[in-house]
Protein backbone atom coordinates (compact mmCIF):
# COMPACT_ATOMS: atom_id res chain seq x y z
CA MET A 1 108.21 141.71 149.67
CA HIS A 2 108.00 143.38 153.15
CA ARG A 3 105.38 142.50 155.63
CA LEU A 4 103.62 145.15 157.86
CA ASP A 5 102.43 143.95 161.31
CA VAL A 6 99.25 145.86 160.88
CA MET A 7 97.25 147.31 158.02
CA LEU A 8 97.03 151.24 158.24
CA THR A 9 94.41 153.38 156.80
CA GLU A 10 95.48 156.44 154.71
CA ILE A 11 94.87 158.86 157.51
CA GLU A 12 97.02 156.74 159.92
CA LYS A 13 99.83 156.82 157.22
CA GLN A 14 99.45 160.55 157.15
CA ILE A 15 99.43 161.06 160.79
CA LEU A 16 102.54 158.74 160.97
CA ARG A 17 104.46 160.92 158.57
CA VAL A 18 103.77 164.25 160.10
CA VAL A 19 104.31 163.14 163.78
CA GLN A 20 107.92 162.49 162.81
CA GLU A 21 108.18 166.28 162.05
CA PRO A 22 108.80 168.96 164.80
CA LEU A 23 105.71 169.52 166.89
CA PRO A 24 104.30 173.28 166.50
CA LEU A 25 105.30 174.91 169.92
CA ARG A 26 101.98 176.51 170.63
CA GLU A 27 99.24 176.17 173.11
CA GLN A 28 97.24 173.72 170.92
CA PRO A 29 99.87 171.98 168.86
CA PHE A 30 97.71 169.08 167.55
CA ALA A 31 95.22 171.48 166.38
CA ALA A 32 97.69 172.83 164.04
CA MET A 33 98.70 169.43 162.88
CA ALA A 34 95.22 168.55 162.29
CA HIS A 35 94.67 171.69 160.37
CA ARG A 36 97.54 170.74 158.04
CA LEU A 37 96.14 167.21 157.59
CA GLY A 38 92.56 168.42 157.14
CA CYS A 39 91.12 166.43 159.90
CA PRO A 40 89.24 167.02 163.23
CA PRO A 41 91.82 167.68 166.05
CA GLU A 42 89.98 165.04 168.17
CA ARG A 43 90.52 162.36 165.67
CA LEU A 44 94.29 163.24 165.29
CA ILE A 45 94.76 162.92 169.08
CA SER A 46 92.82 159.48 169.40
CA THR A 47 94.77 158.25 166.32
CA ILE A 48 98.06 159.15 167.87
CA ARG A 49 97.14 157.52 171.38
CA ASN A 50 95.98 154.38 169.42
CA LEU A 51 99.32 154.30 167.33
CA LYS A 52 101.17 154.46 170.65
CA LYS A 53 98.96 151.76 172.17
CA THR A 54 99.55 149.50 169.28
CA GLY A 55 103.43 150.06 169.41
CA LEU A 56 103.68 151.75 165.91
CA ILE A 57 104.87 154.87 167.82
CA ARG A 58 107.66 153.81 170.33
CA ARG A 59 107.75 157.22 172.07
CA TYR A 60 106.78 160.96 171.63
CA GLY A 61 108.90 163.46 173.22
CA ALA A 62 111.99 165.69 172.87
CA ILE A 63 114.89 164.38 170.85
CA VAL A 64 117.86 165.98 172.70
CA ASN A 65 121.24 167.03 171.11
CA TYR A 66 123.53 165.89 173.86
CA ALA A 67 126.52 167.47 172.22
CA ALA A 68 125.26 170.90 173.10
CA LEU A 69 125.07 170.02 176.63
CA SER A 70 128.88 169.18 176.45
CA ARG A 71 128.20 165.42 176.75
CA THR A 72 130.26 162.74 174.86
CA ALA A 73 129.03 159.85 173.16
CA THR A 74 130.71 156.75 171.25
CA LEU A 75 130.07 153.52 169.76
CA VAL A 76 131.45 150.54 171.36
CA ALA A 77 132.40 147.06 169.89
CA ALA A 78 133.39 143.98 171.37
CA SER A 79 134.07 140.29 170.26
CA VAL A 80 132.16 138.23 172.86
CA PRO A 81 132.18 134.23 173.07
CA GLN A 82 128.65 132.54 172.96
CA GLU A 83 129.17 131.39 176.53
CA LYS A 84 129.56 135.01 177.94
CA LEU A 85 126.90 136.70 175.85
CA ASN A 86 124.12 136.70 178.41
CA GLU A 87 126.43 138.03 181.06
CA LEU A 88 127.81 140.75 178.73
CA ILE A 89 124.30 141.72 177.63
CA THR A 90 122.97 142.17 181.21
CA ALA A 91 126.16 144.07 182.21
CA VAL A 92 125.82 146.51 179.24
CA ASN A 93 122.00 147.03 179.56
CA SER A 94 122.36 147.81 183.24
CA LEU A 95 124.61 151.07 182.22
CA ALA A 96 122.45 154.21 182.35
CA GLY A 97 124.65 155.82 179.58
CA VAL A 98 123.62 153.01 177.02
CA SER A 99 120.79 153.94 174.80
CA HIS A 100 121.17 151.63 171.79
CA HIS A 101 122.53 147.92 172.06
CA TYR A 102 122.56 145.22 169.20
CA LEU A 103 123.77 141.94 168.69
CA ARG A 104 125.44 141.69 165.04
CA LYS A 105 126.37 139.00 162.72
CA HIS A 106 130.23 139.39 162.79
CA LEU A 107 133.29 138.46 164.77
CA PHE A 108 132.63 141.72 166.81
CA ASN A 109 129.10 140.78 167.58
CA LEU A 110 128.25 143.23 170.34
CA TRP A 111 127.74 147.05 169.64
CA PHE A 112 126.30 149.76 171.89
CA THR A 113 126.20 153.49 171.95
CA LEU A 114 127.55 154.93 175.33
CA GLN A 115 127.16 158.57 176.51
CA GLY A 116 128.93 160.09 179.39
CA ALA A 117 129.66 163.51 180.89
CA SER A 118 133.29 163.53 179.46
CA PRO A 119 135.70 161.24 177.38
CA GLN A 120 137.20 160.29 180.76
CA GLU A 121 133.94 159.01 182.24
CA ILE A 122 133.33 157.03 179.00
CA GLU A 123 136.84 155.49 179.43
CA ASN A 124 136.25 154.81 183.12
CA THR A 125 133.07 153.02 182.31
CA LEU A 126 134.69 150.85 179.71
CA CYS A 127 137.62 149.98 182.07
CA GLN A 128 135.12 149.08 184.86
CA LEU A 129 133.14 146.72 182.26
CA ASN A 130 136.38 145.24 181.19
CA ARG A 131 137.24 144.33 184.79
CA GLN A 132 133.87 143.12 185.55
CA THR A 133 133.57 140.72 182.42
CA ASP A 134 137.19 140.25 181.26
CA VAL A 135 136.21 141.25 177.60
CA ARG A 136 137.93 144.00 175.89
CA PHE A 137 135.89 146.91 174.62
CA TYR A 138 136.74 149.27 171.64
CA SER A 139 135.56 152.70 171.54
CA LEU A 140 134.97 154.27 168.15
CA PRO A 141 134.01 157.96 168.58
CA ALA A 142 132.70 159.98 165.68
CA ALA A 143 135.05 162.26 163.89
CA ARG A 144 132.32 163.65 161.77
CA VAL A 145 128.55 163.42 161.36
CA PHE A 146 127.15 163.21 157.79
CA LYS A 147 123.68 162.20 158.47
CA LEU A 148 121.48 161.55 161.52
CA ASP A 149 117.91 161.44 160.53
CA VAL A 150 115.80 158.52 161.92
CA ARG A 151 112.57 158.66 159.97
CA PHE A 152 110.64 156.00 158.15
CA ARG A 153 107.95 155.79 155.51
CA PRO A 154 104.53 154.76 156.87
CA GLU A 155 103.80 152.89 153.71
CA GLY A 156 106.78 150.73 154.57
CA PRO A 157 110.22 150.07 152.66
CA SER A 158 110.41 150.60 148.89
CA GLN A 159 112.97 150.58 146.16
CA GLU A 160 112.63 154.43 146.35
CA ASP A 161 114.48 154.50 149.74
CA PHE A 162 117.66 153.53 147.85
CA GLU A 163 117.40 156.27 145.13
CA ARG A 164 119.21 159.35 145.26
CA MET A 165 117.45 162.35 146.73
CA GLY A 166 120.16 165.01 147.01
CA PHE A 167 122.53 165.51 149.62
CA LEU A 168 121.44 167.64 152.59
CA PRO A 169 124.52 168.41 154.81
CA PRO A 170 123.84 168.24 158.53
CA GLU A 171 123.60 171.44 160.49
CA ASN A 172 126.94 172.70 161.96
CA PRO A 173 127.51 171.47 165.43
CA ALA A 174 125.55 173.39 167.97
CA ALA A 175 127.56 175.48 170.31
CA VAL A 176 128.00 174.13 173.69
CA VAL A 177 125.52 176.09 176.02
CA SER A 178 125.02 176.41 179.71
CA LEU A 179 121.32 175.83 180.93
CA THR A 180 119.86 177.62 183.90
CA GLU A 181 118.07 175.59 186.49
CA MET A 182 114.69 176.27 185.04
CA GLU A 183 115.79 175.16 181.51
CA LYS A 184 117.21 171.91 183.11
CA LYS A 185 113.95 171.36 184.88
CA SER A 186 111.99 172.06 181.70
CA LEU A 187 114.21 169.73 179.72
CA ARG A 188 113.79 166.92 182.11
CA PHE A 189 109.91 167.12 181.77
CA LEU A 190 110.08 167.49 178.01
CA GLN A 191 111.91 164.26 177.71
CA GLU A 192 109.27 162.36 179.30
CA ASP A 193 106.19 160.85 177.63
CA PHE A 194 104.54 164.04 175.97
CA PRO A 195 100.87 164.42 176.68
CA ILE A 196 98.77 163.66 173.75
CA MET A 197 95.92 165.94 174.48
CA GLU A 198 94.32 169.14 173.12
CA ARG A 199 96.35 171.42 175.57
CA PRO A 200 99.74 169.37 176.36
CA PHE A 201 101.78 172.31 177.66
CA GLU A 202 98.70 173.03 180.19
CA ALA A 203 99.28 169.39 181.36
CA LEU A 204 103.11 169.96 181.56
CA ARG A 205 102.69 173.18 183.54
CA GLN A 206 100.53 171.38 186.06
CA LYS A 207 102.93 168.42 186.47
CA SER A 208 105.97 170.32 186.55
CA GLY A 209 105.10 173.59 188.13
CA ILE A 210 106.69 175.53 185.41
CA ALA A 211 104.30 178.28 184.50
CA ASN A 212 105.86 178.98 181.13
CA ILE A 213 107.21 175.78 180.05
CA GLU A 214 106.36 176.15 176.46
CA GLU A 215 108.53 179.20 176.24
CA PHE A 216 111.46 177.27 177.82
CA ALA A 217 110.65 174.43 175.03
CA GLU A 218 110.97 177.33 172.62
CA GLY A 219 114.15 178.48 173.96
CA LEU A 220 115.92 174.92 174.04
CA VAL A 221 115.07 174.38 170.38
CA ALA A 222 116.55 177.75 169.43
CA LYS A 223 119.69 176.92 171.39
CA LYS A 224 119.79 173.40 169.51
CA VAL A 225 119.58 171.66 172.84
CA VAL A 226 116.33 170.06 171.44
CA HIS A 227 116.37 168.84 168.00
CA ARG A 228 112.57 168.64 167.97
CA ILE A 229 109.44 167.16 169.93
CA ALA A 230 108.44 164.30 167.72
CA ALA A 231 107.44 160.72 167.56
CA ILE A 232 109.80 157.68 167.13
CA LEU A 233 108.23 155.07 165.07
CA ASN A 234 108.71 151.28 165.47
CA HIS A 235 110.27 150.67 162.16
CA CYS A 236 109.96 146.92 162.32
CA LYS A 237 106.08 147.22 162.69
CA LEU A 238 106.28 149.29 159.44
CA GLY A 239 107.97 146.37 157.56
CA TYR A 240 111.42 147.63 157.90
CA GLN A 241 112.53 144.22 159.41
CA ALA A 242 116.12 144.13 158.31
CA ASN A 243 118.94 146.52 158.83
CA GLY A 244 122.62 146.38 158.99
CA MET A 245 125.64 148.55 159.73
CA ALA A 246 127.89 148.97 156.66
CA CYS A 247 131.49 149.72 157.30
CA PHE A 248 134.05 150.93 154.72
CA ALA A 249 137.82 151.44 154.94
CA LEU A 250 138.43 154.39 152.81
CA PRO A 251 141.46 156.90 152.22
CA GLN A 252 140.87 160.30 153.82
CA GLY A 253 140.33 161.94 150.36
CA GLU A 254 137.44 159.68 149.60
CA ILE A 255 135.34 159.68 152.72
CA GLU A 256 133.19 162.63 151.92
CA SER A 257 132.13 161.62 148.42
CA VAL A 258 131.04 158.09 149.68
CA ALA A 259 129.45 159.61 152.87
CA ARG A 260 127.46 161.96 150.57
CA ALA A 261 126.46 159.08 148.38
CA LEU A 262 125.14 157.17 151.37
CA ALA A 263 123.54 160.18 153.08
CA GLU A 264 121.35 160.96 150.28
CA ARG A 265 119.37 157.86 150.47
CA ALA A 266 116.23 157.58 152.77
CA ALA A 267 117.31 153.93 153.60
CA VAL A 268 120.29 155.13 155.43
CA SER A 269 119.57 156.78 158.78
CA HIS A 270 122.99 157.40 160.25
CA CYS A 271 126.25 157.98 158.56
CA TYR A 272 129.40 158.79 160.53
CA GLN A 273 133.21 159.01 160.11
CA ARG A 274 134.69 157.19 162.99
CA GLU A 275 137.95 156.37 164.46
CA THR A 276 139.67 152.98 163.96
CA PHE A 277 141.52 150.48 165.99
CA ALA A 278 144.18 147.80 165.19
CA GLY A 279 142.33 144.91 163.45
CA TRP A 280 139.39 147.33 162.29
CA PRO A 281 140.40 149.69 159.53
CA TYR A 282 136.83 150.78 158.81
CA ASN A 283 136.45 154.41 159.10
CA LEU A 284 132.91 155.25 157.48
CA PHE A 285 129.76 153.79 159.18
CA ALA A 286 126.26 153.89 157.74
CA MET A 287 122.89 152.30 159.13
CA ILE A 288 120.87 151.10 156.48
CA HIS A 289 117.18 149.79 156.70
CA ALA A 290 115.03 147.78 154.34
CA GLY A 291 112.42 145.13 154.08
CA ARG A 292 114.84 142.38 153.42
CA ILE A 293 118.73 142.06 154.24
CA GLU A 294 119.16 141.00 150.57
CA ASP A 295 117.98 144.65 149.55
CA VAL A 296 120.63 146.11 152.17
CA GLU A 297 123.36 143.61 150.85
CA ARG A 298 122.66 144.63 147.19
CA PHE A 299 122.81 148.27 147.77
CA VAL A 300 126.11 148.15 149.53
CA SER A 301 127.68 145.98 147.11
CA SER A 302 126.59 148.14 144.32
CA LEU A 303 127.92 151.33 146.12
CA ALA A 304 131.27 149.56 146.71
CA GLU A 305 131.63 148.71 143.10
CA GLU A 306 130.68 152.14 141.85
CA TYR A 307 133.20 153.88 144.10
CA GLY A 308 135.68 151.11 143.67
CA ILE A 309 135.74 150.32 147.51
CA SER A 310 137.62 147.00 148.00
CA GLU A 311 137.60 146.86 151.81
CA TRP A 312 134.05 146.85 153.32
CA VAL A 313 131.93 144.67 155.63
CA LEU A 314 128.17 144.54 156.37
CA LEU A 315 127.22 143.48 159.92
CA PRO A 316 123.47 142.66 159.84
CA THR A 317 121.44 143.22 163.04
CA GLU A 318 120.69 139.87 164.59
CA LYS A 319 118.92 141.13 167.68
CA GLU A 320 117.97 144.49 169.23
CA LEU A 321 119.00 144.40 172.92
CA LYS A 322 118.18 147.67 174.18
CA LYS A 323 116.68 150.89 172.67
CA THR A 324 116.12 153.44 175.41
CA PRO A 325 116.88 157.15 175.27
CA VAL A 326 119.45 158.52 177.85
CA LEU A 327 117.52 161.01 179.83
CA TYR A 328 119.30 164.36 180.66
CA ASP A 329 119.30 164.67 184.47
CA GLY A 330 120.87 168.22 184.78
CA ARG A 331 124.42 167.10 185.42
């Protein structure tokens, strides 16, 4: 059984579900959301504010597609001895390009995502980190994205999360675009904590000095620079207190079929094909969330058996070390 940190009312569950969807880009977006839910706008706004205060909503703002801005990201692994862990954690967390950082139960125990303006900048960052700590870091850039959809059921984890729901292929990679100075400025403000009020774009206009910032928001979504303006939930507080990264070593011809089987489960939030390195043959990665790690283990083992996968490993998350979005600064 999973355990929720708080008991939610039905309207709170409905609101947590809808705020993960794209915010309507209009003068009174929360009124439109409230109409959809059949509740007064004032109640919706006050409930969202309270859900943020209690930590059920981590943040509310623009979710940026950095690939459309010609930025590069990679997953980094390191095997760190216990006596060096604190030093390494501090060093990695101090990097502005690190958004997610986890301690995992494996020989390769430190994993983080690193973003940079170019592959060379990422390589330089890792070389500098190596010189600073005398630890080797392995970069595993994504070769293909099969799923990137971080949304959680407000009711908490369920066996339904592991049932097939049909594969929805991700959108084609967005074309790299150049932004005007006003678009860059708008994006900086849209990434900040979005105002939860009747007329949020009016507040953003006053704060940014951009008279038509909602039009820039529409343009950034149209260009696929912004995936959506939405809430990111604290999944642990919803009972999703276990997660693990499943890694599979597969022949090239089998990657897509296994990736599709993973991606069509709601329990899987991320699924990527990645590069390998010596001693690490695993080329397909999936992040899986559940109420108990035993549920994750059972699912991965069952899937491996179904597809005849003999070489796989599950890396349970032992501790979340950093979870902060990398904010685009216009460069």
